[in-house]
Amino acid sequence: MKNLLPLLFAVVLGVACFVPAQASAYYYGGRYYRYSYRGHYYRYHYHGHYYRHRGWVVGVNGRAGYYRYW
């Protein structure tokens, strides 16, 4: 019985790796969009809003960089 638990865990983990991506994922125009909102596709969800683009803004004068969404 003790050997059954690790085996069951391995089976569940193996199945989880082969399950396709969630149904809310879309390929549109050759790009991968995770989110669909009001009939439109978006790649990013940040602070409750949906965005199609994300770019890294380099910090200046020792300030940390950040992602800009649009």
PDB file of N, CA and C in Angstrom:
ATOM      1  N   MET A   1       0.824  -1.203   0.000  1.00  0.00           N
ATOM      2  CA  MET A   1       0.000   0.000   0.000  1.00  0.00           C
ATOM      3  C   MET A   1       0.867   1.266   0.000  1.00  0.00           C
ATOM      4  N   LYS A   2       2.029   1.201   0.662  1.00  0.00           N
ATOM      5  CA  LYS A   2       2.896   2.377   0.698  1.00  0.00           C
ATOM      6  C   LYS A   2       3.448   2.703  -0.692  1.00  0.00           C
ATOM      7  N   ASN A   3       3.677   1.683  -1.513  1.00  0.00           N
ATOM      8  CA  ASN A   3       4.232   1.915  -2.843  1.00  0.00           C
ATOM      9  C   ASN A   3       3.189   2.429  -3.818  1.00  0.00           C
ATOM     10  N   LEU A   4       1.930   2.325  -3.470  1.00  0.00           N
ATOM     11  CA  LEU A   4       0.864   2.745  -4.370  1.00  0.00           C
ATOM     12  C   LEU A   4       0.780   4.268  -4.488  1.00  0.00           C
ATOM     13  N   LEU A   5       1.040   4.972  -3.413  1.00  0.00           N
ATOM     14  CA  LEU A   5       0.933   6.431  -3.412  1.00  0.00           C
ATOM     15  C   LEU A   5       1.937   7.084  -4.365  1.00  0.00           C
ATOM     16  N   PRO A   6       3.221   6.758  -4.309  1.00  0.00           N
ATOM     17  CA  PRO A   6       4.163   7.362  -5.271  1.00  0.00           C
ATOM     18  C   PRO A   6       3.823   7.009  -6.721  1.00  0.00           C
ATOM     19  N   LEU A   7       3.343   5.799  -6.937  1.00  0.00           N
ATOM     20  CA  LEU A   7       2.971   5.397  -8.288  1.00  0.00           C
ATOM     21  C   LEU A   7       1.785   6.222  -8.789  1.00  0.00           C
ATOM     22  N   LEU A   8       0.800   6.408  -7.927  1.00  0.00           N
ATOM     23  CA  LEU A   8      -0.363   7.203  -8.288  1.00  0.00           C
ATOM     24  C   LEU A   8       0.037   8.645  -8.579  1.00  0.00           C
ATOM     25  N   PHE A   9       0.929   9.183  -7.773  1.00  0.00           N
ATOM     26  CA  PHE A   9       1.416  10.546  -7.979  1.00  0.00           C
ATOM     27  C   PHE A   9       2.134  10.674  -9.324  1.00  0.00           C
ATOM     28  N   ALA A  10       2.948   9.690  -9.661  1.00  0.00           N
ATOM     29  CA  ALA A  10       3.678   9.703 -10.930  1.00  0.00           C
ATOM     30  C   ALA A  10       2.725   9.636 -12.118  1.00  0.00           C
ATOM     31  N   VAL A  11       1.674   8.847 -11.992  1.00  0.00           N
ATOM     32  CA  VAL A  11       0.694   8.740 -13.072  1.00  0.00           C
ATOM     33  C   VAL A  11      -0.045  10.064 -13.264  1.00  0.00           C
ATOM     34  N   VAL A  12      -0.473  10.673 -12.158  1.00  0.00           N
ATOM     35  CA  VAL A  12      -1.185  11.955 -12.242  1.00  0.00           C
ATOM     36  C   VAL A  12      -0.283  13.025 -12.845  1.00  0.00           C
ATOM     37  N   LEU A  13       0.979  13.044 -12.424  1.00  0.00           N
ATOM     38  CA  LEU A  13       1.927  14.025 -12.953  1.00  0.00           C
ATOM     39  C   LEU A  13       2.164  13.799 -14.443  1.00  0.00           C
ATOM     40  N   GLY A  14       2.291  12.543 -14.845  1.00  0.00           N
ATOM     41  CA  GLY A  14       2.503  12.228 -16.245  1.00  0.00           C
ATOM     42  C   GLY A  14       1.328  12.639 -17.119  1.00  0.00           C
ATOM     43  N   VAL A  15       0.118  12.388 -16.626  1.00  0.00           N
ATOM     44  CA  VAL A  15      -1.076  12.775 -17.377  1.00  0.00           C
ATOM     45  C   VAL A  15      -1.165  14.293 -17.481  1.00  0.00           C
ATOM     46  N   ALA A  16      -0.838  15.000 -16.412  1.00  0.00           N
ATOM     47  CA  ALA A  16      -0.914  16.461 -16.413  1.00  0.00           C
ATOM     48  C   ALA A  16       0.034  17.069 -17.443  1.00  0.00           C
ATOM     49  N   CYS A  17       1.153  16.408 -17.697  1.00  0.00           N
ATOM     50  CA  CYS A  17       2.121  16.934 -18.662  1.00  0.00           C
ATOM     51  C   CYS A  17       1.614  16.787 -20.097  1.00  0.00           C
ATOM     52  N   PHE A  18       0.750  15.816 -20.334  1.00  0.00           N
ATOM     53  CA  PHE A  18       0.292  15.580 -21.691  1.00  0.00           C
ATOM     54  C   PHE A  18      -1.087  16.166 -21.981  1.00  0.00           C
ATOM     55  N   VAL A  19      -1.708  16.747 -20.960  1.00  0.00           N
ATOM     56  CA  VAL A  19      -3.004  17.384 -21.188  1.00  0.00           C
ATOM     57  C   VAL A  19      -2.760  18.658 -21.997  1.00  0.00           C
ATOM     58  N   PRO A  20      -3.523  18.885 -23.055  1.00  0.00           N
ATOM     59  CA  PRO A  20      -3.301  20.089 -23.858  1.00  0.00           C
ATOM     60  C   PRO A  20      -3.567  21.358 -23.064  1.00  0.00           C
ATOM     61  N   ALA A  21      -3.106  22.461 -23.587  1.00  0.00           N
ATOM     62  CA  ALA A  21      -3.248  23.747 -22.908  1.00  0.00           C
ATOM     63  C   ALA A  21      -4.725  24.047 -22.680  1.00  0.00           C
ATOM     64  N   GLN A  22      -4.985  24.917 -21.744  1.00  0.00           N
ATOM     65  CA  GLN A  22      -6.346  25.232 -21.371  1.00  0.00           C
ATOM     66  C   GLN A  22      -7.153  25.759 -22.558  1.00  0.00           C
ATOM     67  N   ALA A  23      -8.451  25.605 -22.468  1.00  0.00           N
ATOM     68  CA  ALA A  23      -9.325  25.938 -23.586  1.00  0.00           C
ATOM     69  C   ALA A  23      -9.322  27.429 -23.899  1.00  0.00           C
ATOM     70  N   SER A  24      -8.852  28.259 -22.965  1.00  0.00           N
ATOM     71  CA  SER A  24      -8.841  29.693 -23.199  1.00  0.00           C
ATOM     72  C   SER A  24      -7.588  30.142 -23.936  1.00  0.00           C
ATOM     73  N   ALA A  25      -6.849  29.207 -24.521  1.00  0.00           N
ATOM     74  CA  ALA A  25      -5.655  29.558 -25.284  1.00  0.00           C
ATOM     75  C   ALA A  25      -5.971  29.510 -26.774  1.00  0.00           C
ATOM     76  N   TYR A  26      -5.475  30.473 -27.516  1.00  0.00           N
ATOM     77  CA  TYR A  26      -5.789  30.576 -28.937  1.00  0.00           C
ATOM     78  C   TYR A  26      -4.530  30.838 -29.740  1.00  0.00           C
ATOM     79  N   TYR A  27      -4.486  30.284 -30.934  1.00  0.00           N
ATOM     80  CA  TYR A  27      -3.461  30.638 -31.905  1.00  0.00           C
ATOM     81  C   TYR A  27      -4.155  31.496 -32.958  1.00  0.00           C
ATOM     82  N   TYR A  28      -3.705  32.710 -33.102  1.00  0.00           N
ATOM     83  CA  TYR A  28      -4.378  33.661 -33.975  1.00  0.00           C
ATOM     84  C   TYR A  28      -3.321  34.466 -34.708  1.00  0.00           C
ATOM     85  N   GLY A  29      -3.325  34.387 -36.020  1.00  0.00           N
ATOM     86  CA  GLY A  29      -2.333  35.115 -36.801  1.00  0.00           C
ATOM     87  C   GLY A  29      -0.921  34.638 -36.539  1.00  0.00           C
ATOM     88  N   GLY A  30      -0.766  33.348 -36.205  1.00  0.00           N
ATOM     89  CA  GLY A  30       0.564  32.802 -35.961  1.00  0.00           C
ATOM     90  C   GLY A  30       1.117  33.098 -34.582  1.00  0.00           C
ATOM     91  N   ARG A  31       0.341  33.727 -33.744  1.00  0.00           N
ATOM     92  CA  ARG A  31       0.797  34.040 -32.389  1.00  0.00           C
ATOM     93  C   ARG A  31      -0.093  33.371 -31.358  1.00  0.00           C
ATOM     94  N   TYR A  32       0.444  33.209 -30.169  1.00  0.00           N
ATOM     95  CA  TYR A  32      -0.253  32.510 -29.092  1.00  0.00           C
ATOM     96  C   TYR A  32      -0.904  33.529 -28.164  1.00  0.00           C
ATOM     97  N   TYR A  33      -2.223  33.423 -28.030  1.00  0.00           N
ATOM     98  CA  TYR A  33      -2.972  34.327 -27.155  1.00  0.00           C
ATOM     99  C   TYR A  33      -3.632  33.496 -26.053  1.00  0.00           C
ATOM    100  N   ARG A  34      -3.303  33.793 -24.825  1.00  0.00           N
ATOM    101  CA  ARG A  34      -3.828  33.008 -23.704  1.00  0.00           C
ATOM    102  C   ARG A  34      -5.247  33.396 -23.335  1.00  0.00           C
ATOM    103  N   TYR A  35      -5.611  34.645 -23.579  1.00  0.00           N
ATOM    104  CA  TYR A  35      -6.874  35.137 -23.032  1.00  0.00           C
ATOM    105  C   TYR A  35      -7.826  35.578 -24.146  1.00  0.00           C
ATOM    106  N   SER A  36      -9.098  35.337 -23.926  1.00  0.00           N
ATOM    107  CA  SER A  36     -10.142  35.830 -24.814  1.00  0.00           C
ATOM    108  C   SER A  36     -11.091  36.662 -23.974  1.00  0.00           C
ATOM    109  N   TYR A  37     -11.330  37.894 -24.400  1.00  0.00           N
ATOM    110  CA  TYR A  37     -12.195  38.791 -23.637  1.00  0.00           C
ATOM    111  C   TYR A  37     -13.072  39.585 -24.606  1.00  0.00           C
ATOM    112  N   ARG A  38     -14.372  39.412 -24.486  1.00  0.00           N
ATOM    113  CA  ARG A  38     -15.356  40.100 -25.326  1.00  0.00           C
ATOM    114  C   ARG A  38     -15.058  39.936 -26.811  1.00  0.00           C
ATOM    115  N   GLY A  39     -14.699  38.718 -27.188  1.00  0.00           N
ATOM    116  CA  GLY A  39     -14.499  38.419 -28.600  1.00  0.00           C
ATOM    117  C   GLY A  39     -13.147  38.793 -29.153  1.00  0.00           C
ATOM    118  N   HIS A  40     -12.257  39.315 -28.318  1.00  0.00           N
ATOM    119  CA  HIS A  40     -10.920  39.686 -28.769  1.00  0.00           C
ATOM    120  C   HIS A  40      -9.886  38.815 -28.058  1.00  0.00           C
ATOM    121  N   TYR A  41      -8.748  38.650 -28.682  1.00  0.00           N
ATOM    122  CA  TYR A  41      -7.676  37.819 -28.129  1.00  0.00           C
ATOM    123  C   TYR A  41      -6.564  38.692 -27.563  1.00  0.00           C
ATOM    124  N   TYR A  42      -6.072  38.275 -26.396  1.00  0.00           N
ATOM    125  CA  TYR A  42      -5.007  39.030 -25.742  1.00  0.00           C
ATOM    126  C   TYR A  42      -3.930  38.078 -25.239  1.00  0.00           C
ATOM    127  N   ARG A  43      -2.696  38.533 -25.258  1.00  0.00           N
ATOM    128  CA  ARG A  43      -1.573  37.694 -24.822  1.00  0.00           C
ATOM    129  C   ARG A  43      -1.275  37.856 -23.332  1.00  0.00           C
ATOM    130  N   TYR A  44      -1.612  39.023 -22.768  1.00  0.00           N
ATOM    131  CA  TYR A  44      -1.221  39.301 -21.382  1.00  0.00           C
ATOM    132  C   TYR A  44      -2.404  39.801 -20.556  1.00  0.00           C
ATOM    133  N   HIS A  45      -2.361  39.464 -19.268  1.00  0.00           N
ATOM    134  CA  HIS A  45      -3.352  39.956 -18.320  1.00  0.00           C
ATOM    135  C   HIS A  45      -2.575  40.554 -17.156  1.00  0.00           C
ATOM    136  N   TYR A  46      -2.773  41.835 -16.920  1.00  0.00           N
ATOM    137  CA  TYR A  46      -1.983  42.534 -15.911  1.00  0.00           C
ATOM    138  C   TYR A  46      -2.862  43.552 -15.191  1.00  0.00           C
ATOM    139  N   HIS A  47      -2.917  43.469 -13.880  1.00  0.00           N
ATOM    140  CA  HIS A  47      -3.709  44.379 -13.032  1.00  0.00           C
ATOM    141  C   HIS A  47      -5.159  44.479 -13.498  1.00  0.00           C
ATOM    142  N   GLY A  48      -5.722  43.331 -13.867  1.00  0.00           N
ATOM    143  CA  GLY A  48      -7.132  43.300 -14.225  1.00  0.00           C
ATOM    144  C   GLY A  48      -7.451  43.755 -15.634  1.00  0.00           C
ATOM    145  N   HIS A  49      -6.431  44.053 -16.437  1.00  0.00           N
ATOM    146  CA  HIS A  49      -6.651  44.495 -17.808  1.00  0.00           C
ATOM    147  C   HIS A  49      -5.958  43.538 -18.767  1.00  0.00           C
ATOM    148  N   TYR A  50      -6.424  43.544 -20.006  1.00  0.00           N
ATOM    149  CA  TYR A  50      -5.878  42.659 -21.029  1.00  0.00           C
ATOM    150  C   TYR A  50      -5.083  43.471 -22.047  1.00  0.00           C
ATOM    151  N   TYR A  51      -3.925  42.921 -22.445  1.00  0.00           N
ATOM    152  CA  TYR A  51      -3.055  43.611 -23.385  1.00  0.00           C
ATOM    153  C   TYR A  51      -2.541  42.639 -24.432  1.00  0.00           C
ATOM    154  N   ARG A  52      -2.264  43.175 -25.623  1.00  0.00           N
ATOM    155  CA  ARG A  52      -1.714  42.344 -26.688  1.00  0.00           C
ATOM    156  C   ARG A  52      -0.195  42.409 -26.751  1.00  0.00           C
ATOM    157  N   HIS A  53       0.404  43.455 -26.196  1.00  0.00           N
ATOM    158  CA  HIS A  53       1.851  43.650 -26.307  1.00  0.00           C
ATOM    159  C   HIS A  53       2.473  43.877 -24.937  1.00  0.00           C
ATOM    160  N   ARG A  54       3.743  43.496 -24.835  1.00  0.00           N
ATOM    161  CA  ARG A  54       4.503  43.768 -23.619  1.00  0.00           C
ATOM    162  C   ARG A  54       5.942  44.045 -24.012  1.00  0.00           C
ATOM    163  N   GLY A  55       6.495  45.096 -23.485  1.00  0.00           N
ATOM    164  CA  GLY A  55       7.880  45.446 -23.789  1.00  0.00           C
ATOM    165  C   GLY A  55       8.628  45.790 -22.522  1.00  0.00           C
ATOM    166  N   TRP A  56       9.907  45.443 -22.507  1.00  0.00           N
ATOM    167  CA  TRP A  56      10.734  45.735 -21.333  1.00  0.00           C
ATOM    168  C   TRP A  56      11.305  47.132 -21.455  1.00  0.00           C
ATOM    169  N   VAL A  57      11.076  47.951 -20.444  1.00  0.00           N
ATOM    170  CA  VAL A  57      11.609  49.306 -20.392  1.00  0.00           C
ATOM    171  C   VAL A  57      12.829  49.284 -19.480  1.00  0.00           C
ATOM    172  N   VAL A  58      13.963  49.660 -20.032  1.00  0.00           N
ATOM    173  CA  VAL A  58      15.212  49.623 -19.275  1.00  0.00           C
ATOM    174  C   VAL A  58      15.237  50.757 -18.266  1.00  0.00           C
ATOM    175  N   GLY A  59      15.605  50.429 -17.041  1.00  0.00           N
ATOM    176  CA  GLY A  59      15.693  51.445 -16.003  1.00  0.00           C
ATOM    177  C   GLY A  59      16.902  52.339 -16.209  1.00  0.00           C
ATOM    178  N   VAL A  60      16.799  53.571 -15.773  1.00  0.00           N
ATOM    179  CA  VAL A  60      17.909  54.526 -15.891  1.00  0.00           C
ATOM    180  C   VAL A  60      18.303  55.014 -14.503  1.00  0.00           C
ATOM    181  N   ASN A  61      19.550  55.421 -14.378  1.00  0.00           N
ATOM    182  CA  ASN A  61      20.091  55.947 -13.118  1.00  0.00           C
ATOM    183  C   ASN A  61      19.897  54.965 -11.967  1.00  0.00           C
ATOM    184  N   GLY A  62      20.122  53.683 -12.225  1.00  0.00           N
ATOM    185  CA  GLY A  62      20.045  52.690 -11.169  1.00  0.00           C
ATOM    186  C   GLY A  62      18.640  52.217 -10.845  1.00  0.00           C
ATOM    187  N   ARG A  63      17.630  52.774 -11.520  1.00  0.00           N
ATOM    188  CA  ARG A  63      16.265  52.336 -11.246  1.00  0.00           C
ATOM    189  C   ARG A  63      16.007  51.000 -11.935  1.00  0.00           C
ATOM    190  N   ALA A  64      15.170  50.218 -11.336  1.00  0.00           N
ATOM    191  CA  ALA A  64      14.843  48.904 -11.890  1.00  0.00           C
ATOM    192  C   ALA A  64      13.996  49.062 -13.150  1.00  0.00           C
ATOM    193  N   GLY A  65      14.203  48.143 -14.069  1.00  0.00           N
ATOM    194  CA  GLY A  65      13.386  48.152 -15.280  1.00  0.00           C
ATOM    195  C   GLY A  65      12.000  47.611 -14.995  1.00  0.00           C
ATOM    196  N   TYR A  66      11.115  47.741 -15.955  1.00  0.00           N
ATOM    197  CA  TYR A  66       9.748  47.265 -15.768  1.00  0.00           C
ATOM    198  C   TYR A  66       9.144  46.921 -17.127  1.00  0.00           C
ATOM    199  N   TYR A  67       8.064  46.168 -17.079  1.00  0.00           N
ATOM    200  CA  TYR A  67       7.356  45.829 -18.303  1.00  0.00           C
ATOM    201  C   TYR A  67       6.280  46.894 -18.585  1.00  0.00           C
ATOM    202  N   ARG A  68       6.204  47.287 -19.841  1.00  0.00           N
ATOM    203  CA  ARG A  68       5.152  48.213 -20.274  1.00  0.00           C
ATOM    204  C   ARG A  68       4.168  47.428 -21.123  1.00  0.00           C
ATOM    205  N   TYR A  69       2.896  47.592 -20.828  1.00  0.00           N
ATOM    206  CA  TYR A  69       1.841  46.872 -21.538  1.00  0.00           C
ATOM    207  C   TYR A  69       1.030  47.841 -22.379  1.00  0.00           C
ATOM    208  N   TRP A  70       0.650  47.388 -23.582  1.00  0.00           N
ATOM    209  CA  TRP A  70      -0.232  48.190 -24.413  1.00  0.00           C
ATOM    210  C   TRP A  70      -0.995  47.316 -25.382  1.00  0.00           C
TER     211      TRP A  70
END
